[in-house]
């Protein structure tokens, strides 16, 4: 069974771009709105990633996409 982890973004554009890059590397993810209780700024988007979260983060960051908190 694959584990699910989340990566937060400050904009939908960043999240969609990251999702597209991960899909190109055969890493599945689902885009969801970040719940207000979990977002410092009041809005944001989260990718729920299936599989290796460390690998997904490395791919996203090496592509120049900033995650929330970077």
PDB file of N, CA and C in Angstrom:
ATOM      1  N   UNK A   1       0.834  -1.182   0.000  1.00  0.00           N
ATOM      2  CA  UNK A   1       0.000   0.000   0.000  1.00  0.00           C
ATOM      3  C   UNK A   1       0.878   1.246   0.000  1.00  0.00           C
ATOM      4  N   UNK A   2       0.596   2.195  -0.894  1.00  0.00           N
ATOM      5  CA  UNK A   2       1.374   3.418  -0.988  1.00  0.00           C
ATOM      6  C   UNK A   2       0.931   4.411   0.075  1.00  0.00           C
ATOM      7  N   UNK A   3       1.895   5.169   0.603  1.00  0.00           N
ATOM      8  CA  UNK A   3       1.538   6.193   1.578  1.00  0.00           C
ATOM      9  C   UNK A   3       1.150   7.475   0.852  1.00  0.00           C
ATOM     10  N   UNK A   4       0.292   8.271   1.510  1.00  0.00           N
ATOM     11  CA  UNK A   4      -0.107   9.556   0.942  1.00  0.00           C
ATOM     12  C   UNK A   4       0.439  10.654   1.822  1.00  0.00           C
ATOM     13  N   UNK A   5       1.037  11.625   1.202  1.00  0.00           N
ATOM     14  CA  UNK A   5       1.608  12.766   1.896  1.00  0.00           C
ATOM     15  C   UNK A   5       1.185  14.033   1.173  1.00  0.00           C
ATOM     16  N   UNK A   6       1.365  15.170   1.827  1.00  0.00           N
ATOM     17  CA  UNK A   6       0.934  16.427   1.231  1.00  0.00           C
ATOM     18  C   UNK A   6       2.089  17.413   1.076  1.00  0.00           C
ATOM     19  N   UNK A   7       1.959  18.261   0.044  1.00  0.00           N
ATOM     20  CA  UNK A   7       2.884  19.361  -0.211  1.00  0.00           C
ATOM     21  C   UNK A   7       2.025  20.596  -0.429  1.00  0.00           C
ATOM     22  N   UNK A   8       2.286  21.647   0.352  1.00  0.00           N
ATOM     23  CA  UNK A   8       1.485  22.872   0.257  1.00  0.00           C
ATOM     24  C   UNK A   8       2.145  23.899  -0.654  1.00  0.00           C
ATOM     25  N   UNK A   9       1.289  24.661  -1.345  1.00  0.00           N
ATOM     26  CA  UNK A   9       1.720  25.723  -2.253  1.00  0.00           C
ATOM     27  C   UNK A   9       0.939  26.997  -1.949  1.00  0.00           C
ATOM     28  N   UNK A  10       1.514  28.140  -2.309  1.00  0.00           N
ATOM     29  CA  UNK A  10       0.841  29.419  -2.093  1.00  0.00           C
ATOM     30  C   UNK A  10      -0.085  29.808  -3.231  1.00  0.00           C
ATOM     31  N   UNK A  11       0.054  29.152  -4.386  1.00  0.00           N
ATOM     32  CA  UNK A  11      -0.802  29.500  -5.521  1.00  0.00           C
ATOM     33  C   UNK A  11      -1.207  28.255  -6.298  1.00  0.00           C
ATOM     34  N   UNK A  12      -2.337  28.363  -6.955  1.00  0.00           N
ATOM     35  CA  UNK A  12      -2.813  27.252  -7.772  1.00  0.00           C
ATOM     36  C   UNK A  12      -1.887  27.034  -8.963  1.00  0.00           C
ATOM     37  N   UNK A  13      -1.284  28.099  -9.472  1.00  0.00           N
ATOM     38  CA  UNK A  13      -0.366  27.980 -10.606  1.00  0.00           C
ATOM     39  C   UNK A  13       0.835  27.114 -10.242  1.00  0.00           C
ATOM     40  N   UNK A  14       1.422  27.365  -9.070  1.00  0.00           N
ATOM     41  CA  UNK A  14       2.559  26.563  -8.621  1.00  0.00           C
ATOM     42  C   UNK A  14       2.148  25.103  -8.426  1.00  0.00           C
ATOM     43  N   UNK A  15       0.991  24.897  -7.811  1.00  0.00           N
ATOM     44  CA  UNK A  15       0.524  23.532  -7.540  1.00  0.00           C
ATOM     45  C   UNK A  15       0.262  22.767  -8.836  1.00  0.00           C
ATOM     46  N   UNK A  16      -0.382  23.412  -9.801  1.00  0.00           N
ATOM     47  CA  UNK A  16      -0.668  22.754 -11.076  1.00  0.00           C
ATOM     48  C   UNK A  16       0.616  22.435 -11.841  1.00  0.00           C
ATOM     49  N   UNK A  17       1.562  23.356 -11.803  1.00  0.00           N
ATOM     50  CA  UNK A  17       2.837  23.124 -12.482  1.00  0.00           C
ATOM     51  C   UNK A  17       3.563  21.941 -11.837  1.00  0.00           C
ATOM     52  N   UNK A  18       3.577  21.904 -10.509  1.00  0.00           N
ATOM     53  CA  UNK A  18       4.216  20.793  -9.803  1.00  0.00           C
ATOM     54  C   UNK A  18       3.523  19.473 -10.122  1.00  0.00           C
ATOM     55  N   UNK A  19       2.202  19.498 -10.166  1.00  0.00           N
ATOM     56  CA  UNK A  19       1.445  18.278 -10.471  1.00  0.00           C
ATOM     57  C   UNK A  19       1.791  17.764 -11.867  1.00  0.00           C
ATOM     58  N   UNK A  20       1.919  18.672 -12.812  1.00  0.00           N
ATOM     59  CA  UNK A  20       2.268  18.301 -14.187  1.00  0.00           C
ATOM     60  C   UNK A  20       3.666  17.683 -14.255  1.00  0.00           C
ATOM     61  N   UNK A  21       4.603  18.272 -13.548  1.00  0.00           N
ATOM     62  CA  UNK A  21       5.969  17.745 -13.541  1.00  0.00           C
ATOM     63  C   UNK A  21       6.011  16.364 -12.893  1.00  0.00           C
ATOM     64  N   UNK A  22       5.306  16.204 -11.775  1.00  0.00           N
ATOM     65  CA  UNK A  22       5.275  14.897 -11.115  1.00  0.00           C
ATOM     66  C   UNK A  22       4.629  13.844 -12.007  1.00  0.00           C
ATOM     67  N   UNK A  23       3.567  14.200 -12.714  1.00  0.00           N
ATOM     68  CA  UNK A  23       2.899  13.256 -13.615  1.00  0.00           C
ATOM     69  C   UNK A  23       3.869  12.789 -14.702  1.00  0.00           C
ATOM     70  N   UNK A  24       4.720  13.697 -15.165  1.00  0.00           N
ATOM     71  CA  UNK A  24       5.723  13.336 -16.155  1.00  0.00           C
ATOM     72  C   UNK A  24       6.752  12.346 -15.634  1.00  0.00           C
ATOM     73  N   UNK A  25       6.876  12.257 -14.321  1.00  0.00           N
ATOM     74  CA  UNK A  25       7.793  11.311 -13.676  1.00  0.00           C
ATOM     75  C   UNK A  25       7.037  10.112 -13.090  1.00  0.00           C
ATOM     76  N   UNK A  26       5.785   9.941 -13.515  1.00  0.00           N
ATOM     77  CA  UNK A  26       4.933   8.822 -13.085  1.00  0.00           C
ATOM     78  C   UNK A  26       4.620   8.837 -11.587  1.00  0.00           C
ATOM     79  N   UNK A  27       4.529  10.046 -11.015  1.00  0.00           N
ATOM     80  CA  UNK A  27       4.125  10.192  -9.612  1.00  0.00           C
ATOM     81  C   UNK A  27       2.732  10.811  -9.604  1.00  0.00           C
ATOM     82  N   UNK A  28       1.790  10.057  -9.074  1.00  0.00           N
ATOM     83  CA  UNK A  28       0.400  10.514  -9.060  1.00  0.00           C
ATOM     84  C   UNK A  28       0.149  11.454  -7.890  1.00  0.00           C
ATOM     85  N   UNK A  29      -0.699  12.461  -8.129  1.00  0.00           N
ATOM     86  CA  UNK A  29      -1.068  13.391  -7.073  1.00  0.00           C
ATOM     87  C   UNK A  29      -2.463  13.944  -7.346  1.00  0.00           C
ATOM     88  N   UNK A  30      -3.049  14.494  -6.301  1.00  0.00           N
ATOM     89  CA  UNK A  30      -4.378  15.090  -6.397  1.00  0.00           C
ATOM     90  C   UNK A  30      -4.300  16.500  -5.830  1.00  0.00           C
ATOM     91  N   UNK A  31      -4.843  17.476  -6.549  1.00  0.00           N
ATOM     92  CA  UNK A  31      -4.841  18.859  -6.112  1.00  0.00           C
ATOM     93  C   UNK A  31      -6.087  19.144  -5.287  1.00  0.00           C
ATOM     94  N   UNK A  32      -5.891  19.688  -4.090  1.00  0.00           N
ATOM     95  CA  UNK A  32      -7.003  20.065  -3.218  1.00  0.00           C
ATOM     96  C   UNK A  32      -6.742  21.441  -2.639  1.00  0.00           C
ATOM     97  N   UNK A  33      -7.797  22.112  -2.240  1.00  0.00           N
ATOM     98  CA  UNK A  33      -7.679  23.398  -1.566  1.00  0.00           C
ATOM     99  C   UNK A  33      -7.190  23.144  -0.143  1.00  0.00           C
ATOM    100  N   UNK A  34      -6.212  23.925   0.305  1.00  0.00           N
ATOM    101  CA  UNK A  34      -5.704  23.769   1.662  1.00  0.00           C
ATOM    102  C   UNK A  34      -6.761  24.255   2.648  1.00  0.00           C
ATOM    103  N   UNK A  35      -7.106  23.427   3.623  1.00  0.00           N
ATOM    104  CA  UNK A  35      -8.069  23.881   4.631  1.00  0.00           C
ATOM    105  C   UNK A  35      -7.562  25.133   5.342  1.00  0.00           C
ATOM    106  N   UNK A  36      -8.450  26.088   5.618  1.00  0.00           N
ATOM    107  CA  UNK A  36      -8.043  27.353   6.237  1.00  0.00           C
ATOM    108  C   UNK A  36      -7.314  27.149   7.560  1.00  0.00           C
ATOM    109  N   UNK A  37      -7.673  26.133   8.307  1.00  0.00           N
ATOM    110  CA  UNK A  37      -7.008  25.882   9.584  1.00  0.00           C
ATOM    111  C   UNK A  37      -5.553  25.472   9.403  1.00  0.00           C
ATOM    112  N   UNK A  38      -5.191  24.967   8.241  1.00  0.00           N
ATOM    113  CA  UNK A  38      -3.822  24.487   8.010  1.00  0.00           C
ATOM    114  C   UNK A  38      -2.997  25.460   7.179  1.00  0.00           C
ATOM    115  N   UNK A  39      -3.607  26.551   6.729  1.00  0.00           N
ATOM    116  CA  UNK A  39      -2.907  27.511   5.889  1.00  0.00           C
ATOM    117  C   UNK A  39      -2.648  28.792   6.668  1.00  0.00           C
ATOM    118  N   UNK A  40      -1.399  29.207   6.731  1.00  0.00           N
ATOM    119  CA  UNK A  40      -1.046  30.414   7.463  1.00  0.00           C
ATOM    120  C   UNK A  40      -1.619  31.666   6.809  1.00  0.00           C
ATOM    121  N   UNK A  41      -1.690  31.684   5.499  1.00  0.00           N
ATOM    122  CA  UNK A  41      -2.122  32.880   4.785  1.00  0.00           C
ATOM    123  C   UNK A  41      -3.619  32.919   4.525  1.00  0.00           C
ATOM    124  N   UNK A  42      -4.338  31.871   4.887  1.00  0.00           N
ATOM    125  CA  UNK A  42      -5.778  31.863   4.676  1.00  0.00           C
ATOM    126  C   UNK A  42      -6.194  31.183   3.384  1.00  0.00           C
ATOM    127  N   UNK A  43      -5.286  31.065   2.440  1.00  0.00           N
ATOM    128  CA  UNK A  43      -5.617  30.328   1.222  1.00  0.00           C
ATOM    129  C   UNK A  43      -4.362  29.630   0.726  1.00  0.00           C
ATOM    130  N   UNK A  44      -4.551  28.627  -0.060  1.00  0.00           N
ATOM    131  CA  UNK A  44      -3.436  27.887  -0.598  1.00  0.00           C
ATOM    132  C   UNK A  44      -3.944  26.604  -1.226  1.00  0.00           C
ATOM    133  N   UNK A  45      -3.035  25.869  -1.790  1.00  0.00           N
ATOM    134  CA  UNK A  45      -3.373  24.625  -2.464  1.00  0.00           C
ATOM    135  C   UNK A  45      -2.403  23.551  -2.034  1.00  0.00           C
ATOM    136  N   UNK A  46      -2.880  22.328  -2.002  1.00  0.00           N
ATOM    137  CA  UNK A  46      -2.099  21.199  -1.534  1.00  0.00           C
ATOM    138  C   UNK A  46      -2.140  20.083  -2.560  1.00  0.00           C
ATOM    139  N   UNK A  47      -0.991  19.460  -2.782  1.00  0.00           N
ATOM    140  CA  UNK A  47      -0.939  18.245  -3.572  1.00  0.00           C
ATOM    141  C   UNK A  47      -0.867  17.072  -2.608  1.00  0.00           C
ATOM    142  N   UNK A  48      -1.776  16.139  -2.759  1.00  0.00           N
ATOM    143  CA  UNK A  48      -1.735  14.893  -2.019  1.00  0.00           C
ATOM    144  C   UNK A  48      -1.000  13.911  -2.928  1.00  0.00           C
ATOM    145  N   UNK A  49       0.189  13.504  -2.496  1.00  0.00           N
ATOM    146  CA  UNK A  49       1.082  12.707  -3.329  1.00  0.00           C
ATOM    147  C   UNK A  49       1.011  11.237  -2.934  1.00  0.00           C
ATOM    148  N   UNK A  50       0.889  10.384  -3.923  1.00  0.00           N
ATOM    149  CA  UNK A  50       0.948   8.936  -3.707  1.00  0.00           C
ATOM    150  C   UNK A  50       2.393   8.497  -3.898  1.00  0.00           C
ATOM    151  N   UNK A  51       2.960   7.865  -2.883  1.00  0.00           N
ATOM    152  CA  UNK A  51       4.311   7.357  -3.023  1.00  0.00           C
ATOM    153  C   UNK A  51       5.328   8.122  -2.228  1.00  0.00           C
ATOM    154  N   UNK A  52       6.533   8.190  -2.756  1.00  0.00           N
ATOM    155  CA  UNK A  52       7.697   8.738  -2.059  1.00  0.00           C
ATOM    156  C   UNK A  52       7.648  10.266  -2.028  1.00  0.00           C
ATOM    157  N   UNK A  53       7.312  10.828  -0.875  1.00  0.00           N
ATOM    158  CA  UNK A  53       7.182  12.283  -0.740  1.00  0.00           C
ATOM    159  C   UNK A  53       8.533  12.979  -0.885  1.00  0.00           C
ATOM    160  N   UNK A  54       9.607  12.354  -0.410  1.00  0.00           N
ATOM    161  CA  UNK A  54      10.938  12.950  -0.518  1.00  0.00           C
ATOM    162  C   UNK A  54      11.347  13.084  -1.980  1.00  0.00           C
ATOM    163  N   UNK A  55      11.101  12.058  -2.752  1.00  0.00           N
ATOM    164  CA  UNK A  55      11.412  12.094  -4.187  1.00  0.00           C
ATOM    165  C   UNK A  55      10.576  13.171  -4.874  1.00  0.00           C
ATOM    166  N   UNK A  56       9.294  13.255  -4.539  1.00  0.00           N
ATOM    167  CA  UNK A  56       8.414  14.260  -5.135  1.00  0.00           C
ATOM    168  C   UNK A  56       8.905  15.668  -4.814  1.00  0.00           C
ATOM    169  N   UNK A  57       9.273  15.911  -3.559  1.00  0.00           N
ATOM    170  CA  UNK A  57       9.785  17.227  -3.175  1.00  0.00           C
ATOM    171  C   UNK A  57      11.076  17.561  -3.905  1.00  0.00           C
ATOM    172  N   UNK A  58      11.967  16.593  -4.031  1.00  0.00           N
ATOM    173  CA  UNK A  58      13.224  16.816  -4.756  1.00  0.00           C
ATOM    174  C   UNK A  58      12.957  17.202  -6.209  1.00  0.00           C
ATOM    175  N   UNK A  59      12.036  16.516  -6.842  1.00  0.00           N
ATOM    176  CA  UNK A  59      11.694  16.807  -8.243  1.00  0.00           C
ATOM    177  C   UNK A  59      11.112  18.213  -8.363  1.00  0.00           C
ATOM    178  N   UNK A  60      10.186  18.540  -7.479  1.00  0.00           N
ATOM    179  CA  UNK A  60       9.536  19.854  -7.519  1.00  0.00           C
ATOM    180  C   UNK A  60      10.559  20.967  -7.298  1.00  0.00           C
ATOM    181  N   UNK A  61      11.359  20.832  -6.274  1.00  0.00           N
ATOM    182  CA  UNK A  61      12.339  21.884  -5.944  1.00  0.00           C
ATOM    183  C   UNK A  61      13.422  22.007  -7.014  1.00  0.00           C
ATOM    184  N   UNK A  62      13.851  20.891  -7.587  1.00  0.00           N
ATOM    185  CA  UNK A  62      14.876  20.954  -8.635  1.00  0.00           C
ATOM    186  C   UNK A  62      14.322  21.556  -9.921  1.00  0.00           C
ATOM    187  N   UNK A  63      13.001  21.612 -10.030  1.00  0.00           N
ATOM    188  CA  UNK A  63      12.356  22.249 -11.181  1.00  0.00           C
ATOM    189  C   UNK A  63      12.144  23.738 -10.955  1.00  0.00           C
ATOM    190  N   UNK A  64      12.536  24.233  -9.772  1.00  0.00           N
ATOM    191  CA  UNK A  64      12.438  25.653  -9.479  1.00  0.00           C
ATOM    192  C   UNK A  64      11.094  26.099  -8.935  1.00  0.00           C
ATOM    193  N   UNK A  65      10.252  25.149  -8.546  1.00  0.00           N
ATOM    194  CA  UNK A  65       8.945  25.493  -8.011  1.00  0.00           C
ATOM    195  C   UNK A  65       9.057  25.601  -6.495  1.00  0.00           C
ATOM    196  N   UNK A  66       8.550  26.702  -5.958  1.00  0.00           N
ATOM    197  CA  UNK A  66       8.594  26.929  -4.516  1.00  0.00           C
ATOM    198  C   UNK A  66       7.347  26.343  -3.862  1.00  0.00           C
ATOM    199  N   UNK A  67       7.572  25.691  -2.745  1.00  0.00           N
ATOM    200  CA  UNK A  67       6.447  25.197  -1.949  1.00  0.00           C
ATOM    201  C   UNK A  67       6.210  26.185  -0.817  1.00  0.00           C
ATOM    202  N   UNK A  68       5.041  26.112  -0.192  1.00  0.00           N
ATOM    203  CA  UNK A  68       4.758  26.990   0.940  1.00  0.00           C
ATOM    204  C   UNK A  68       5.782  26.703   2.032  1.00  0.00           C
ATOM    205  N   UNK A  69       6.378  27.729   2.561  1.00  0.00           N
ATOM    206  CA  UNK A  69       7.395  27.556   3.601  1.00  0.00           C
ATOM    207  C   UNK A  69       8.816  27.557   3.071  1.00  0.00           C
ATOM    208  N   UNK A  70       8.994  27.498   1.758  1.00  0.00           N
ATOM    209  CA  UNK A  70      10.359  27.556   1.183  1.00  0.00           C
ATOM    210  C   UNK A  70      10.847  28.989   1.177  1.00  0.00           C
TER     211      UNK A  70
END
